[in-house]
Amino acid sequence: MAHKKGSGSTKNGRDSNSKRLGVKKYGGEVVKPGNIIVRQRGSKFKVGNNVSQGKDYTIYSLINGTVYFKPGAFNKSSINVIPCDILN
């Protein structure tokens, strides 16, 4: 009887937890200050008007308003929040 495990079984079985990245608020959605719009690794989306970026590249709203994605060069859209009072 063998006293060692099969060669493949000890090298498998590890995986990282998912980080739940991606767009959380889409274009046209209403946001409040502090609402997270995008969680990302690196600056896939650029910061536009009335939004800010956290140290982990999370983009969040600074004001009440509506999310607007503006297409940019090299597949890098910028994210803006249009104030609510302009819309009314």
N, C-alpha and C. Protein backbone atom coordinates (compact mmCIF):
# COMPACT_ATOMS: atom_id res chain seq x y z
N MET A 1 0.85 -1.18 0.00
CA MET A 1 0.00 0.00 0.00
C MET A 1 0.89 1.24 0.00
N ALA A 2 0.55 2.19 -0.85
CA ALA A 2 1.37 3.39 -0.98
C ALA A 2 1.18 4.30 0.23
N HIS A 3 2.27 4.96 0.60
CA HIS A 3 2.21 5.88 1.73
C HIS A 3 2.28 7.34 1.28
N LYS A 4 2.18 7.60 -0.02
CA LYS A 4 2.19 8.96 -0.54
C LYS A 4 0.89 9.21 -1.29
N LYS A 5 0.47 10.46 -1.27
CA LYS A 5 -0.74 10.82 -2.01
C LYS A 5 -0.42 10.83 -3.50
N GLY A 6 -1.46 10.82 -4.29
CA GLY A 6 -1.27 10.94 -5.73
C GLY A 6 -0.58 12.26 -6.06
N SER A 7 0.19 12.27 -7.12
CA SER A 7 1.04 13.42 -7.41
C SER A 7 0.26 14.71 -7.69
N GLY A 8 -0.95 14.62 -8.21
CA GLY A 8 -1.69 15.82 -8.57
C GLY A 8 -2.50 16.41 -7.43
N SER A 9 -2.84 15.63 -6.44
CA SER A 9 -3.81 16.08 -5.45
C SER A 9 -3.27 17.17 -4.53
N THR A 10 -2.00 17.18 -4.22
CA THR A 10 -1.47 18.18 -3.30
C THR A 10 -1.13 19.49 -3.99
N LYS A 11 -1.07 19.51 -5.31
CA LYS A 11 -0.72 20.73 -6.03
C LYS A 11 -1.96 21.53 -6.43
N ASN A 12 -3.14 20.97 -6.24
CA ASN A 12 -4.38 21.65 -6.61
C ASN A 12 -5.10 22.14 -5.36
N GLY A 13 -6.23 22.78 -5.58
CA GLY A 13 -7.10 23.09 -4.46
C GLY A 13 -6.95 24.49 -3.89
N ARG A 14 -6.23 25.39 -4.56
CA ARG A 14 -6.10 26.76 -4.07
C ARG A 14 -6.69 27.70 -5.11
N ASP A 15 -7.43 28.67 -4.63
CA ASP A 15 -7.99 29.69 -5.51
C ASP A 15 -8.30 30.91 -4.66
N SER A 16 -8.21 32.10 -5.25
CA SER A 16 -8.47 33.32 -4.50
C SER A 16 -9.96 33.63 -4.51
N ASN A 17 -10.38 34.38 -3.51
CA ASN A 17 -11.76 34.82 -3.46
C ASN A 17 -12.01 35.88 -4.53
N SER A 18 -13.22 35.90 -5.09
CA SER A 18 -13.53 36.91 -6.10
C SER A 18 -13.59 38.28 -5.43
N LYS A 19 -13.20 39.32 -6.15
CA LYS A 19 -13.09 40.65 -5.58
C LYS A 19 -14.28 41.55 -5.92
N ARG A 20 -15.25 41.05 -6.66
CA ARG A 20 -16.47 41.78 -7.00
C ARG A 20 -16.17 43.11 -7.68
N LEU A 21 -15.33 43.05 -8.69
CA LEU A 21 -14.98 44.25 -9.45
C LEU A 21 -16.03 44.53 -10.51
N GLY A 22 -15.98 45.73 -11.09
CA GLY A 22 -16.84 46.06 -12.21
C GLY A 22 -17.68 47.29 -11.96
N VAL A 23 -18.56 47.56 -12.90
CA VAL A 23 -19.43 48.74 -12.83
C VAL A 23 -20.57 48.45 -11.86
N LYS A 24 -20.76 49.35 -10.90
CA LYS A 24 -21.83 49.20 -9.91
C LYS A 24 -23.03 50.09 -10.23
N LYS A 25 -22.79 51.23 -10.85
CA LYS A 25 -23.87 52.13 -11.28
C LYS A 25 -23.66 52.43 -12.75
N TYR A 26 -24.66 52.17 -13.56
CA TYR A 26 -24.55 52.34 -15.00
C TYR A 26 -25.00 53.73 -15.43
N GLY A 27 -24.76 54.07 -16.68
CA GLY A 27 -25.13 55.37 -17.22
C GLY A 27 -26.62 55.63 -17.08
N GLY A 28 -26.98 56.82 -16.61
CA GLY A 28 -28.37 57.19 -16.42
C GLY A 28 -28.89 56.92 -15.03
N GLU A 29 -28.14 56.20 -14.21
CA GLU A 29 -28.59 55.92 -12.84
C GLU A 29 -28.30 57.11 -11.93
N VAL A 30 -29.18 57.33 -10.97
CA VAL A 30 -29.02 58.42 -10.01
C VAL A 30 -28.13 57.96 -8.87
N VAL A 31 -27.17 58.82 -8.47
CA VAL A 31 -26.26 58.49 -7.38
C VAL A 31 -26.26 59.59 -6.33
N LYS A 32 -25.89 59.21 -5.11
CA LYS A 32 -25.72 60.13 -4.00
C LYS A 32 -24.22 60.30 -3.76
N PRO A 33 -23.81 61.30 -2.98
CA PRO A 33 -22.39 61.44 -2.66
C PRO A 33 -21.88 60.20 -1.93
N GLY A 34 -20.75 59.68 -2.37
CA GLY A 34 -20.16 58.49 -1.76
C GLY A 34 -20.54 57.19 -2.43
N ASN A 35 -21.54 57.21 -3.31
CA ASN A 35 -21.93 55.98 -4.01
C ASN A 35 -20.80 55.52 -4.92
N ILE A 36 -20.47 54.24 -4.85
CA ILE A 36 -19.43 53.67 -5.70
C ILE A 36 -20.00 53.45 -7.09
N ILE A 37 -19.29 53.94 -8.09
CA ILE A 37 -19.73 53.78 -9.48
C ILE A 37 -19.00 52.61 -10.12
N VAL A 38 -17.66 52.51 -9.93
CA VAL A 38 -16.87 51.43 -10.52
C VAL A 38 -15.82 50.97 -9.53
N ARG A 39 -15.66 49.67 -9.39
CA ARG A 39 -14.52 49.09 -8.69
C ARG A 39 -13.62 48.48 -9.76
N GLN A 40 -12.33 48.81 -9.72
CA GLN A 40 -11.44 48.40 -10.80
C GLN A 40 -10.03 48.15 -10.28
N ARG A 41 -9.24 47.45 -11.08
CA ARG A 41 -7.81 47.27 -10.83
C ARG A 41 -7.08 48.09 -11.87
N GLY A 42 -6.38 49.13 -11.45
CA GLY A 42 -5.77 50.04 -12.41
C GLY A 42 -6.82 51.00 -12.92
N SER A 43 -6.41 51.96 -13.72
CA SER A 43 -7.34 53.00 -14.16
C SER A 43 -7.94 52.65 -15.52
N LYS A 44 -8.81 51.65 -15.55
CA LYS A 44 -9.51 51.30 -16.78
C LYS A 44 -10.47 52.42 -17.17
N PHE A 45 -11.13 53.01 -16.17
CA PHE A 45 -11.98 54.17 -16.38
C PHE A 45 -11.28 55.39 -15.79
N LYS A 46 -11.39 56.53 -16.50
CA LYS A 46 -10.76 57.75 -16.01
C LYS A 46 -11.76 58.58 -15.22
N VAL A 47 -11.24 59.44 -14.36
CA VAL A 47 -12.06 60.27 -13.51
C VAL A 47 -12.49 61.52 -14.28
N GLY A 48 -13.78 61.82 -14.23
CA GLY A 48 -14.30 63.00 -14.89
C GLY A 48 -14.80 64.02 -13.87
N ASN A 49 -15.86 64.74 -14.22
CA ASN A 49 -16.41 65.79 -13.36
C ASN A 49 -17.24 65.19 -12.24
N ASN A 50 -17.09 65.75 -11.04
CA ASN A 50 -17.89 65.43 -9.86
C ASN A 50 -17.73 64.00 -9.38
N VAL A 51 -16.61 63.36 -9.71
CA VAL A 51 -16.27 62.05 -9.17
C VAL A 51 -14.83 62.10 -8.66
N SER A 52 -14.50 61.14 -7.81
CA SER A 52 -13.14 61.05 -7.29
C SER A 52 -12.72 59.59 -7.30
N GLN A 53 -11.41 59.37 -7.07
CA GLN A 53 -10.85 58.03 -7.15
C GLN A 53 -10.17 57.68 -5.83
N GLY A 54 -10.47 56.51 -5.31
CA GLY A 54 -9.85 56.05 -4.08
C GLY A 54 -8.48 55.46 -4.35
N LYS A 55 -7.79 55.07 -3.28
CA LYS A 55 -6.43 54.55 -3.43
C LYS A 55 -6.40 53.18 -4.12
N ASP A 56 -7.53 52.47 -4.11
CA ASP A 56 -7.62 51.19 -4.83
C ASP A 56 -8.29 51.36 -6.19
N TYR A 57 -8.28 52.59 -6.73
CA TYR A 57 -8.82 52.95 -8.04
C TYR A 57 -10.34 52.89 -8.11
N THR A 58 -11.00 52.80 -6.98
CA THR A 58 -12.46 52.84 -6.96
C THR A 58 -12.94 54.25 -7.29
N ILE A 59 -13.88 54.36 -8.20
CA ILE A 59 -14.43 55.67 -8.58
C ILE A 59 -15.79 55.83 -7.90
N TYR A 60 -15.96 56.98 -7.22
CA TYR A 60 -17.19 57.23 -6.48
C TYR A 60 -17.67 58.66 -6.72
N SER A 61 -18.95 58.87 -6.44
CA SER A 61 -19.59 60.16 -6.69
C SER A 61 -19.29 61.15 -5.57
N LEU A 62 -19.19 62.44 -5.92
CA LEU A 62 -19.01 63.50 -4.94
C LEU A 62 -20.28 64.29 -4.70
N ILE A 63 -21.25 64.18 -5.61
CA ILE A 63 -22.48 64.97 -5.52
C ILE A 63 -23.70 64.10 -5.85
N ASN A 64 -24.89 64.66 -5.61
CA ASN A 64 -26.12 64.04 -6.10
C ASN A 64 -26.21 64.29 -7.60
N GLY A 65 -26.53 63.28 -8.36
CA GLY A 65 -26.65 63.47 -9.80
C GLY A 65 -26.84 62.18 -10.54
N THR A 66 -26.61 62.24 -11.84
CA THR A 66 -26.79 61.10 -12.74
C THR A 66 -25.47 60.73 -13.37
N VAL A 67 -25.20 59.43 -13.45
CA VAL A 67 -23.94 58.93 -14.01
C VAL A 67 -23.95 59.08 -15.53
N TYR A 68 -22.81 59.51 -16.05
CA TYR A 68 -22.65 59.66 -17.50
C TYR A 68 -21.27 59.14 -17.89
N PHE A 69 -21.22 58.15 -18.78
CA PHE A 69 -19.97 57.60 -19.30
C PHE A 69 -19.64 58.30 -20.61
N LYS A 70 -18.47 58.91 -20.69
CA LYS A 70 -18.05 59.60 -21.91
C LYS A 70 -16.96 58.77 -22.57
N PRO A 71 -17.19 58.28 -23.80
CA PRO A 71 -16.19 57.45 -24.47
C PRO A 71 -14.90 58.23 -24.69
N GLY A 72 -13.77 57.53 -24.55
CA GLY A 72 -12.48 58.16 -24.74
C GLY A 72 -11.58 57.32 -25.62
N ALA A 73 -10.37 57.78 -25.82
CA ALA A 73 -9.40 57.07 -26.65
C ALA A 73 -8.86 55.84 -25.93
N PHE A 74 -8.43 54.86 -26.69
CA PHE A 74 -7.78 53.65 -26.18
C PHE A 74 -8.66 52.88 -25.19
N ASN A 75 -9.98 52.84 -25.46
CA ASN A 75 -10.93 52.11 -24.63
C ASN A 75 -10.93 52.59 -23.18
N LYS A 76 -10.63 53.87 -22.95
CA LYS A 76 -10.67 54.42 -21.59
C LYS A 76 -11.76 55.47 -21.54
N SER A 77 -12.92 55.08 -21.04
CA SER A 77 -14.03 56.02 -20.87
C SER A 77 -13.78 56.86 -19.63
N SER A 78 -14.30 58.07 -19.63
CA SER A 78 -14.27 58.88 -18.41
C SER A 78 -15.68 58.86 -17.82
N ILE A 79 -15.73 58.93 -16.51
CA ILE A 79 -17.00 58.86 -15.80
C ILE A 79 -17.29 60.23 -15.20
N ASN A 80 -18.48 60.74 -15.47
CA ASN A 80 -18.91 62.03 -14.95
C ASN A 80 -20.22 61.84 -14.20
N VAL A 81 -20.49 62.76 -13.27
CA VAL A 81 -21.79 62.82 -12.64
C VAL A 81 -22.37 64.19 -12.94
N ILE A 82 -23.54 64.21 -13.58
CA ILE A 82 -24.22 65.45 -13.93
C ILE A 82 -25.12 65.82 -12.77
N PRO A 83 -24.99 67.04 -12.22
CA PRO A 83 -25.82 67.45 -11.07
C PRO A 83 -27.30 67.35 -11.37
N CYS A 84 -28.09 67.04 -10.34
CA CYS A 84 -29.54 66.88 -10.48
C CYS A 84 -30.23 68.18 -10.87
N ASP A 85 -29.78 69.34 -10.35
CA ASP A 85 -30.47 70.58 -10.63
C ASP A 85 -30.38 70.99 -12.09
N ILE A 86 -29.36 70.51 -12.81
CA ILE A 86 -29.25 70.79 -14.25
C ILE A 86 -30.30 69.99 -15.02
N LEU A 87 -30.62 68.80 -14.52
CA LEU A 87 -31.55 67.93 -15.22
C LEU A 87 -33.00 68.40 -15.07
N ASN A 88 -33.33 69.06 -13.97
CA ASN A 88 -34.71 69.48 -13.73
C ASN A 88 -35.04 70.79 -14.38
